[in-house]
Amino acid sequence: MKTFLVASMLVASISFAPLAMATMSQADCQATWKKADVNSDGKMDGKEAKPFIDAMNVAKEKPMDSQGKSLQSGEFLKSCQAGTFDSVKL
């Protein structure tokens, strides 16, 4: 029984390890922001914001913009570091 519990805990820890490792660092998030904010105006809207807002919707995070069409850098970085944008490819 003890062996079964140890084996179960090992399998569980290995299963969740990729999720923990997938989250971007603060530096990665800032680099992603810089790349995505194409016109460097300090916010993302329209085509710039769409993949990130889509990811927020999937994660059931509500963008601060009431219309859900733009992102400010602080909001982006918070969601990014939480792992919301890990699957977004630019």
PDB file of N, CA and C in Angstrom:
ATOM      1  N   MET A   1       0.829  -1.201   0.000  1.00  0.00           N
ATOM      2  CA  MET A   1       0.000   0.000   0.000  1.00  0.00           C
ATOM      3  C   MET A   1       0.870   1.260   0.000  1.00  0.00           C
ATOM      4  N   LYS A   2       1.927   1.224   0.803  1.00  0.00           N
ATOM      5  CA  LYS A   2       2.823   2.374   0.881  1.00  0.00           C
ATOM      6  C   LYS A   2       3.471   2.629  -0.481  1.00  0.00           C
ATOM      7  N   THR A   3       3.860   1.556  -1.150  1.00  0.00           N
ATOM      8  CA  THR A   3       4.475   1.673  -2.474  1.00  0.00           C
ATOM      9  C   THR A   3       3.491   2.277  -3.464  1.00  0.00           C
ATOM     10  N   PHE A   4       2.237   1.861  -3.385  1.00  0.00           N
ATOM     11  CA  PHE A   4       1.208   2.388  -4.276  1.00  0.00           C
ATOM     12  C   PHE A   4       1.033   3.892  -4.076  1.00  0.00           C
ATOM     13  N   LEU A   5       1.000   4.337  -2.828  1.00  0.00           N
ATOM     14  CA  LEU A   5       0.839   5.765  -2.543  1.00  0.00           C
ATOM     15  C   LEU A   5       2.027   6.570  -3.057  1.00  0.00           C
ATOM     16  N   VAL A   6       3.224   6.067  -2.839  1.00  0.00           N
ATOM     17  CA  VAL A   6       4.418   6.764  -3.315  1.00  0.00           C
ATOM     18  C   VAL A   6       4.408   6.834  -4.836  1.00  0.00           C
ATOM     19  N   ALA A   7       4.066   5.727  -5.484  1.00  0.00           N
ATOM     20  CA  ALA A   7       4.007   5.700  -6.949  1.00  0.00           C
ATOM     21  C   ALA A   7       2.940   6.659  -7.462  1.00  0.00           C
ATOM     22  N   SER A   8       1.798   6.706  -6.808  1.00  0.00           N
ATOM     23  CA  SER A   8       0.717   7.615  -7.216  1.00  0.00           C
ATOM     24  C   SER A   8       1.147   9.071  -7.092  1.00  0.00           C
ATOM     25  N   MET A   9       1.836   9.396  -6.016  1.00  0.00           N
ATOM     26  CA  MET A   9       2.298  10.772  -5.826  1.00  0.00           C
ATOM     27  C   MET A   9       3.348  11.137  -6.868  1.00  0.00           C
ATOM     28  N   LEU A  10       4.208  10.195  -7.215  1.00  0.00           N
ATOM     29  CA  LEU A  10       5.223  10.442  -8.232  1.00  0.00           C
ATOM     30  C   LEU A  10       4.578  10.704  -9.586  1.00  0.00           C
ATOM     31  N   VAL A  11       3.610   9.882  -9.955  1.00  0.00           N
ATOM     32  CA  VAL A  11       2.901  10.064 -11.228  1.00  0.00           C
ATOM     33  C   VAL A  11       2.191  11.415 -11.249  1.00  0.00           C
ATOM     34  N   ALA A  12       1.540  11.770 -10.160  1.00  0.00           N
ATOM     35  CA  ALA A  12       0.826  13.050 -10.098  1.00  0.00           C
ATOM     36  C   ALA A  12       1.792  14.223 -10.225  1.00  0.00           C
ATOM     37  N   SER A  13       2.941  14.149  -9.574  1.00  0.00           N
ATOM     38  CA  SER A  13       3.885  15.268  -9.652  1.00  0.00           C
ATOM     39  C   SER A  13       4.480  15.397 -11.042  1.00  0.00           C
ATOM     40  N   ILE A  14       4.714  14.289 -11.706  1.00  0.00           N
ATOM     41  CA  ILE A  14       5.239  14.326 -13.072  1.00  0.00           C
ATOM     42  C   ILE A  14       4.180  14.853 -14.035  1.00  0.00           C
ATOM     43  N   SER A  15       2.937  14.512 -13.809  1.00  0.00           N
ATOM     44  CA  SER A  15       1.844  14.941 -14.688  1.00  0.00           C
ATOM     45  C   SER A  15       1.654  16.449 -14.675  1.00  0.00           C
ATOM     46  N   PHE A  16       1.833  17.075 -13.523  1.00  0.00           N
ATOM     47  CA  PHE A  16       1.599  18.508 -13.411  1.00  0.00           C
ATOM     48  C   PHE A  16       2.856  19.344 -13.627  1.00  0.00           C
ATOM     49  N   ALA A  17       4.011  18.736 -13.688  1.00  0.00           N
ATOM     50  CA  ALA A  17       5.261  19.476 -13.881  1.00  0.00           C
ATOM     51  C   ALA A  17       5.265  20.299 -15.161  1.00  0.00           C
ATOM     52  N   PRO A  18       4.814  19.763 -16.318  1.00  0.00           N
ATOM     53  CA  PRO A  18       4.828  20.588 -17.533  1.00  0.00           C
ATOM     54  C   PRO A  18       3.967  21.843 -17.416  1.00  0.00           C
ATOM     55  N   LEU A  19       2.881  21.771 -16.673  1.00  0.00           N
ATOM     56  CA  LEU A  19       2.025  22.945 -16.506  1.00  0.00           C
ATOM     57  C   LEU A  19       2.758  24.043 -15.750  1.00  0.00           C
ATOM     58  N   ALA A  20       3.477  23.669 -14.723  1.00  0.00           N
ATOM     59  CA  ALA A  20       4.192  24.660 -13.929  1.00  0.00           C
ATOM     60  C   ALA A  20       5.357  25.252 -14.711  1.00  0.00           C
ATOM     61  N   MET A  21       5.983  24.452 -15.553  1.00  0.00           N
ATOM     62  CA  MET A  21       7.140  24.924 -16.299  1.00  0.00           C
ATOM     63  C   MET A  21       6.738  25.752 -17.510  1.00  0.00           C
ATOM     64  N   ALA A  22       5.497  25.668 -17.934  1.00  0.00           N
ATOM     65  CA  ALA A  22       5.062  26.337 -19.153  1.00  0.00           C
ATOM     66  C   ALA A  22       4.855  27.840 -18.970  1.00  0.00           C
ATOM     67  N   THR A  23       4.579  28.284 -17.762  1.00  0.00           N
ATOM     68  CA  THR A  23       4.279  29.687 -17.527  1.00  0.00           C
ATOM     69  C   THR A  23       5.486  30.566 -17.850  1.00  0.00           C
ATOM     70  N   MET A  24       5.234  31.656 -18.570  1.00  0.00           N
ATOM     71  CA  MET A  24       6.312  32.558 -18.974  1.00  0.00           C
ATOM     72  C   MET A  24       6.821  33.384 -17.794  1.00  0.00           C
ATOM     73  N   SER A  25       8.100  33.698 -17.841  1.00  0.00           N
ATOM     74  CA  SER A  25       8.705  34.559 -16.823  1.00  0.00           C
ATOM     75  C   SER A  25       8.311  36.011 -17.089  1.00  0.00           C
ATOM     76  N   GLN A  26       8.633  36.875 -16.143  1.00  0.00           N
ATOM     77  CA  GLN A  26       8.336  38.299 -16.318  1.00  0.00           C
ATOM     78  C   GLN A  26       9.070  38.841 -17.541  1.00  0.00           C
ATOM     79  N   ALA A  27      10.322  38.432 -17.720  1.00  0.00           N
ATOM     80  CA  ALA A  27      11.103  38.892 -18.877  1.00  0.00           C
ATOM     81  C   ALA A  27      10.490  38.399 -20.187  1.00  0.00           C
ATOM     82  N   ASP A  28      10.037  37.135 -20.200  1.00  0.00           N
ATOM     83  CA  ASP A  28       9.383  36.594 -21.400  1.00  0.00           C
ATOM     84  C   ASP A  28       8.102  37.363 -21.709  1.00  0.00           C
ATOM     85  N   CYS A  29       7.340  37.668 -20.664  1.00  0.00           N
ATOM     86  CA  CYS A  29       6.085  38.405 -20.852  1.00  0.00           C
ATOM     87  C   CYS A  29       6.351  39.814 -21.383  1.00  0.00           C
ATOM     88  N   GLN A  30       7.372  40.466 -20.851  1.00  0.00           N
ATOM     89  CA  GLN A  30       7.706  41.811 -21.328  1.00  0.00           C
ATOM     90  C   GLN A  30       8.177  41.773 -22.779  1.00  0.00           C
ATOM     91  N   ALA A  31       8.944  40.743 -23.132  1.00  0.00           N
ATOM     92  CA  ALA A  31       9.401  40.604 -24.519  1.00  0.00           C
ATOM     93  C   ALA A  31       8.222  40.335 -25.451  1.00  0.00           C
ATOM     94  N   THR A  32       7.274  39.528 -24.988  1.00  0.00           N
ATOM     95  CA  THR A  32       6.079  39.246 -25.791  1.00  0.00           C
ATOM     96  C   THR A  32       5.259  40.512 -25.977  1.00  0.00           C
ATOM     97  N   TRP A  33       5.124  41.308 -24.902  1.00  0.00           N
ATOM     98  CA  TRP A  33       4.397  42.580 -24.993  1.00  0.00           C
ATOM     99  C   TRP A  33       5.037  43.477 -26.042  1.00  0.00           C
ATOM    100  N   LYS A  34       6.363  43.602 -25.968  1.00  0.00           N
ATOM    101  CA  LYS A  34       7.094  44.473 -26.889  1.00  0.00           C
ATOM    102  C   LYS A  34       6.879  44.034 -28.341  1.00  0.00           C
ATOM    103  N   LYS A  35       6.902  42.730 -28.558  1.00  0.00           N
ATOM    104  CA  LYS A  35       6.719  42.190 -29.909  1.00  0.00           C
ATOM    105  C   LYS A  35       5.280  42.384 -30.392  1.00  0.00           C
ATOM    106  N   ALA A  36       4.317  42.212 -29.492  1.00  0.00           N
ATOM    107  CA  ALA A  36       2.902  42.277 -29.876  1.00  0.00           C
ATOM    108  C   ALA A  36       2.390  43.710 -30.029  1.00  0.00           C
ATOM    109  N   ASP A  37       2.943  44.645 -29.251  1.00  0.00           N
ATOM    110  CA  ASP A  37       2.531  46.054 -29.341  1.00  0.00           C
ATOM    111  C   ASP A  37       3.264  46.676 -30.530  1.00  0.00           C
ATOM    112  N   VAL A  38       2.821  46.308 -31.715  1.00  0.00           N
ATOM    113  CA  VAL A  38       3.508  46.632 -32.966  1.00  0.00           C
ATOM    114  C   VAL A  38       3.775  48.123 -33.130  1.00  0.00           C
ATOM    115  N   ASN A  39       2.794  48.955 -32.819  1.00  0.00           N
ATOM    116  CA  ASN A  39       2.978  50.399 -33.012  1.00  0.00           C
ATOM    117  C   ASN A  39       3.551  51.093 -31.773  1.00  0.00           C
ATOM    118  N   SER A  40       3.907  50.325 -30.767  1.00  0.00           N
ATOM    119  CA  SER A  40       4.556  50.834 -29.539  1.00  0.00           C
ATOM    120  C   SER A  40       3.815  52.000 -28.898  1.00  0.00           C
ATOM    121  N   ASP A  41       2.481  51.906 -28.860  1.00  0.00           N
ATOM    122  CA  ASP A  41       1.701  52.991 -28.251  1.00  0.00           C
ATOM    123  C   ASP A  41       1.335  52.708 -26.793  1.00  0.00           C
ATOM    124  N   GLY A  42       1.859  51.611 -26.225  1.00  0.00           N
ATOM    125  CA  GLY A  42       1.614  51.309 -24.820  1.00  0.00           C
ATOM    126  C   GLY A  42       0.318  50.587 -24.540  1.00  0.00           C
ATOM    127  N   LYS A  43      -0.407  50.234 -25.582  1.00  0.00           N
ATOM    128  CA  LYS A  43      -1.625  49.434 -25.433  1.00  0.00           C
ATOM    129  C   LYS A  43      -1.765  48.568 -26.677  1.00  0.00           C
ATOM    130  N   MET A  44      -2.550  47.536 -26.542  1.00  0.00           N
ATOM    131  CA  MET A  44      -2.839  46.690 -27.698  1.00  0.00           C
ATOM    132  C   MET A  44      -4.319  46.790 -27.998  1.00  0.00           C
ATOM    133  N   ASP A  45      -4.626  46.975 -29.259  1.00  0.00           N
ATOM    134  CA  ASP A  45      -6.026  46.948 -29.675  1.00  0.00           C
ATOM    135  C   ASP A  45      -6.108  46.347 -31.070  1.00  0.00           C
ATOM    136  N   GLY A  46      -7.316  46.077 -31.495  1.00  0.00           N
ATOM    137  CA  GLY A  46      -7.521  45.507 -32.823  1.00  0.00           C
ATOM    138  C   GLY A  46      -6.788  44.196 -33.014  1.00  0.00           C
ATOM    139  N   LYS A  47      -6.075  44.094 -34.131  1.00  0.00           N
ATOM    140  CA  LYS A  47      -5.362  42.861 -34.469  1.00  0.00           C
ATOM    141  C   LYS A  47      -4.254  42.544 -33.466  1.00  0.00           C
ATOM    142  N   GLU A  48      -3.660  43.579 -32.877  1.00  0.00           N
ATOM    143  CA  GLU A  48      -2.613  43.354 -31.874  1.00  0.00           C
ATOM    144  C   GLU A  48      -3.171  42.558 -30.690  1.00  0.00           C
ATOM    145  N   ALA A  49      -4.335  42.952 -30.229  1.00  0.00           N
ATOM    146  CA  ALA A  49      -4.902  42.396 -29.003  1.00  0.00           C
ATOM    147  C   ALA A  49      -5.679  41.102 -29.204  1.00  0.00           C
ATOM    148  N   LYS A  50      -6.181  40.869 -30.396  1.00  0.00           N
ATOM    149  CA  LYS A  50      -7.122  39.764 -30.624  1.00  0.00           C
ATOM    150  C   LYS A  50      -6.658  38.408 -30.089  1.00  0.00           C
ATOM    151  N   PRO A  51      -5.442  37.927 -30.408  1.00  0.00           N
ATOM    152  CA  PRO A  51      -5.078  36.595 -29.903  1.00  0.00           C
ATOM    153  C   PRO A  51      -5.009  36.539 -28.377  1.00  0.00           C
ATOM    154  N   PHE A  52      -4.655  37.647 -27.762  1.00  0.00           N
ATOM    155  CA  PHE A  52      -4.543  37.679 -26.306  1.00  0.00           C
ATOM    156  C   PHE A  52      -5.919  37.778 -25.646  1.00  0.00           C
ATOM    157  N   ILE A  53      -6.796  38.562 -26.222  1.00  0.00           N
ATOM    158  CA  ILE A  53      -8.162  38.653 -25.692  1.00  0.00           C
ATOM    159  C   ILE A  53      -8.883  37.323 -25.886  1.00  0.00           C
ATOM    160  N   ASP A  54      -8.652  36.667 -27.020  1.00  0.00           N
ATOM    161  CA  ASP A  54      -9.233  35.336 -27.237  1.00  0.00           C
ATOM    162  C   ASP A  54      -8.756  34.362 -26.157  1.00  0.00           C
ATOM    163  N   ALA A  55      -7.457  34.406 -25.836  1.00  0.00           N
ATOM    164  CA  ALA A  55      -6.909  33.532 -24.791  1.00  0.00           C
ATOM    165  C   ALA A  55      -7.510  33.864 -23.428  1.00  0.00           C
ATOM    166  N   MET A  56      -7.734  35.153 -23.161  1.00  0.00           N
ATOM    167  CA  MET A  56      -8.366  35.549 -21.903  1.00  0.00           C
ATOM    168  C   MET A  56      -9.790  35.018 -21.827  1.00  0.00           C
ATOM    169  N   ASN A  57     -10.508  35.072 -22.942  1.00  0.00           N
ATOM    170  CA  ASN A  57     -11.878  34.561 -22.965  1.00  0.00           C
ATOM    171  C   ASN A  57     -11.909  33.061 -22.697  1.00  0.00           C
ATOM    172  N   VAL A  58     -10.967  32.326 -23.291  1.00  0.00           N
ATOM    173  CA  VAL A  58     -10.886  30.881 -23.057  1.00  0.00           C
ATOM    174  C   VAL A  58     -10.612  30.607 -21.580  1.00  0.00           C
ATOM    175  N   ALA A  59      -9.752  31.429 -20.971  1.00  0.00           N
ATOM    176  CA  ALA A  59      -9.402  31.267 -19.555  1.00  0.00           C
ATOM    177  C   ALA A  59     -10.451  31.876 -18.624  1.00  0.00           C
ATOM    178  N   LYS A  60     -11.509  32.409 -19.212  1.00  0.00           N
ATOM    179  CA  LYS A  60     -12.597  33.048 -18.464  1.00  0.00           C
ATOM    180  C   LYS A  60     -12.102  34.253 -17.652  1.00  0.00           C
ATOM    181  N   GLU A  61     -11.126  34.971 -18.221  1.00  0.00           N
ATOM    182  CA  GLU A  61     -10.660  36.233 -17.648  1.00  0.00           C
ATOM    183  C   GLU A  61     -11.318  37.349 -18.436  1.00  0.00           C
ATOM    184  N   LYS A  62     -11.827  38.336 -17.739  1.00  0.00           N
ATOM    185  CA  LYS A  62     -12.502  39.437 -18.416  1.00  0.00           C
ATOM    186  C   LYS A  62     -11.537  40.608 -18.598  1.00  0.00           C
ATOM    187  N   PRO A  63     -11.326  41.044 -19.849  1.00  0.00           N
ATOM    188  CA  PRO A  63     -10.470  42.213 -20.080  1.00  0.00           C
ATOM    189  C   PRO A  63     -11.045  43.451 -19.392  1.00  0.00           C
ATOM    190  N   MET A  64     -10.171  44.350 -18.936  1.00  0.00           N
ATOM    191  CA  MET A  64     -10.618  45.580 -18.264  1.00  0.00           C
ATOM    192  C   MET A  64     -11.447  46.461 -19.185  1.00  0.00           C
ATOM    193  N   ASP A  65     -11.095  46.467 -20.470  1.00  0.00           N
ATOM    194  CA  ASP A  65     -11.857  47.234 -21.459  1.00  0.00           C
ATOM    195  C   ASP A  65     -13.262  46.642 -21.532  1.00  0.00           C
ATOM    196  N   SER A  66     -14.264  47.436 -21.264  1.00  0.00           N
ATOM    197  CA  SER A  66     -15.640  46.935 -21.213  1.00  0.00           C
ATOM    198  C   SER A  66     -16.092  46.301 -22.521  1.00  0.00           C
ATOM    199  N   GLN A  67     -15.502  46.731 -23.632  1.00  0.00           N
ATOM    200  CA  GLN A  67     -15.867  46.141 -24.924  1.00  0.00           C
ATOM    201  C   GLN A  67     -14.987  44.941 -25.264  1.00  0.00           C
ATOM    202  N   GLY A  68     -13.953  44.696 -24.457  1.00  0.00           N
ATOM    203  CA  GLY A  68     -13.075  43.557 -24.682  1.00  0.00           C
ATOM    204  C   GLY A  68     -12.270  43.653 -25.961  1.00  0.00           C
ATOM    205  N   LYS A  69     -11.834  44.869 -26.310  1.00  0.00           N
ATOM    206  CA  LYS A  69     -11.113  45.048 -27.568  1.00  0.00           C
ATOM    207  C   LYS A  69      -9.700  45.584 -27.405  1.00  0.00           C
ATOM    208  N   SER A  70      -9.288  45.916 -26.178  1.00  0.00           N
ATOM    209  CA  SER A  70      -7.933  46.436 -25.991  1.00  0.00           C
ATOM    210  C   SER A  70      -7.352  45.952 -24.666  1.00  0.00           C
ATOM    211  N   LEU A  71      -6.019  45.996 -24.585  1.00  0.00           N
ATOM    212  CA  LEU A  71      -5.299  45.595 -23.380  1.00  0.00           C
ATOM    213  C   LEU A  71      -4.254  46.646 -23.033  1.00  0.00           C
ATOM    214  N   GLN A  72      -4.141  46.948 -21.758  1.00  0.00           N
ATOM    215  CA  GLN A  72      -3.076  47.809 -21.252  1.00  0.00           C
ATOM    216  C   GLN A  72      -1.924  46.908 -20.804  1.00  0.00           C
ATOM    217  N   SER A  73      -0.732  47.455 -20.702  1.00  0.00           N
ATOM    218  CA  SER A  73       0.436  46.632 -20.392  1.00  0.00           C
ATOM    219  C   SER A  73       0.334  45.928 -19.039  1.00  0.00           C
ATOM    220  N   GLY A  74      -0.130  46.608 -18.005  1.00  0.00           N
ATOM    221  CA  GLY A  74      -0.240  45.989 -16.684  1.00  0.00           C
ATOM    222  C   GLY A  74      -1.169  44.792 -16.677  1.00  0.00           C
ATOM    223  N   GLU A  75      -2.288  44.944 -17.331  1.00  0.00           N
ATOM    224  CA  GLU A  75      -3.262  43.857 -17.431  1.00  0.00           C
ATOM    225  C   GLU A  75      -2.667  42.685 -18.215  1.00  0.00           C
ATOM    226  N   PHE A  76      -1.987  43.004 -19.308  1.00  0.00           N
ATOM    227  CA  PHE A  76      -1.359  41.978 -20.129  1.00  0.00           C
ATOM    228  C   PHE A  76      -0.327  41.198 -19.315  1.00  0.00           C
ATOM    229  N   LEU A  77       0.559  41.926 -18.619  1.00  0.00           N
ATOM    230  CA  LEU A  77       1.631  41.270 -17.872  1.00  0.00           C
ATOM    231  C   LEU A  77       1.088  40.389 -16.758  1.00  0.00           C
ATOM    232  N   LYS A  78       0.041  40.828 -16.080  1.00  0.00           N
ATOM    233  CA  LYS A  78      -0.565  40.033 -15.010  1.00  0.00           C
ATOM    234  C   LYS A  78      -1.118  38.721 -15.570  1.00  0.00           C
ATOM    235  N   SER A  79      -1.862  38.798 -16.659  1.00  0.00           N
ATOM    236  CA  SER A  79      -2.431  37.592 -17.264  1.00  0.00           C
ATOM    237  C   SER A  79      -1.341  36.704 -17.851  1.00  0.00           C
ATOM    238  N   CYS A  80      -0.335  37.327 -18.431  1.00  0.00           N
ATOM    239  CA  CYS A  80       0.770  36.579 -19.024  1.00  0.00           C
ATOM    240  C   CYS A  80       1.494  35.757 -17.962  1.00  0.00           C
ATOM    241  N   GLN A  81       1.824  36.382 -16.845  1.00  0.00           N
ATOM    242  CA  GLN A  81       2.544  35.683 -15.790  1.00  0.00           C
ATOM    243  C   GLN A  81       1.687  34.620 -15.114  1.00  0.00           C
ATOM    244  N   ALA A  82       0.383  34.722 -15.253  1.00  0.00           N
ATOM    245  CA  ALA A  82      -0.518  33.697 -14.728  1.00  0.00           C
ATOM    246  C   ALA A  82      -0.630  32.508 -15.685  1.00  0.00           C
ATOM    247  N   GLY A  83      -0.021  32.642 -16.873  1.00  0.00           N
ATOM    248  CA  GLY A  83      -0.031  31.540 -17.829  1.00  0.00           C
ATOM    249  C   GLY A  83      -1.124  31.608 -18.871  1.00  0.00           C
ATOM    250  N   THR A  84      -1.892  32.674 -18.874  1.00  0.00           N
ATOM    251  CA  THR A  84      -3.023  32.797 -19.796  1.00  0.00           C
ATOM    252  C   THR A  84      -2.593  32.779 -21.254  1.00  0.00           C
ATOM    253  N   PHE A  85      -1.425  33.322 -21.564  1.00  0.00           N
ATOM    254  CA  PHE A  85      -1.005  33.464 -22.955  1.00  0.00           C
ATOM    255  C   PHE A  85       0.037  32.432 -23.388  1.00  0.00           C
ATOM    256  N   ASP A  86       0.242  31.395 -22.589  1.00  0.00           N
ATOM    257  CA  ASP A  86       1.269  30.404 -22.910  1.00  0.00           C
ATOM    258  C   ASP A  86       1.069  29.750 -24.275  1.00  0.00           C
ATOM    259  N   SER A  87      -0.161  29.621 -24.712  1.00  0.00           N
ATOM    260  CA  SER A  87      -0.424  28.945 -25.991  1.00  0.00           C
ATOM    261  C   SER A  87      -0.489  29.907 -27.179  1.00  0.00           C
ATOM    262  N   VAL A  88      -0.395  31.213 -26.923  1.00  0.00           N
ATOM    263  CA  VAL A  88      -0.481  32.199 -28.008  1.00  0.00           C
ATOM    264  C   VAL A  88       0.838  32.230 -28.768  1.00  0.00           C
ATOM    265  N   LYS A  89       0.749  32.090 -30.075  1.00  0.00           N
ATOM    266  CA  LYS A  89       1.926  32.155 -30.946  1.00  0.00           C
ATOM    267  C   LYS A  89       1.858  33.427 -31.768  1.00  0.00           C
ATOM    268  N   LEU A  90       2.954  34.166 -31.820  1.00  0.00           N
ATOM    269  CA  LEU A  90       3.013  35.385 -32.635  1.00  0.00           C
ATOM    270  C   LEU A  90       3.750  35.117 -33.920  1.00  0.00           C
TER     271      LEU A  90
END
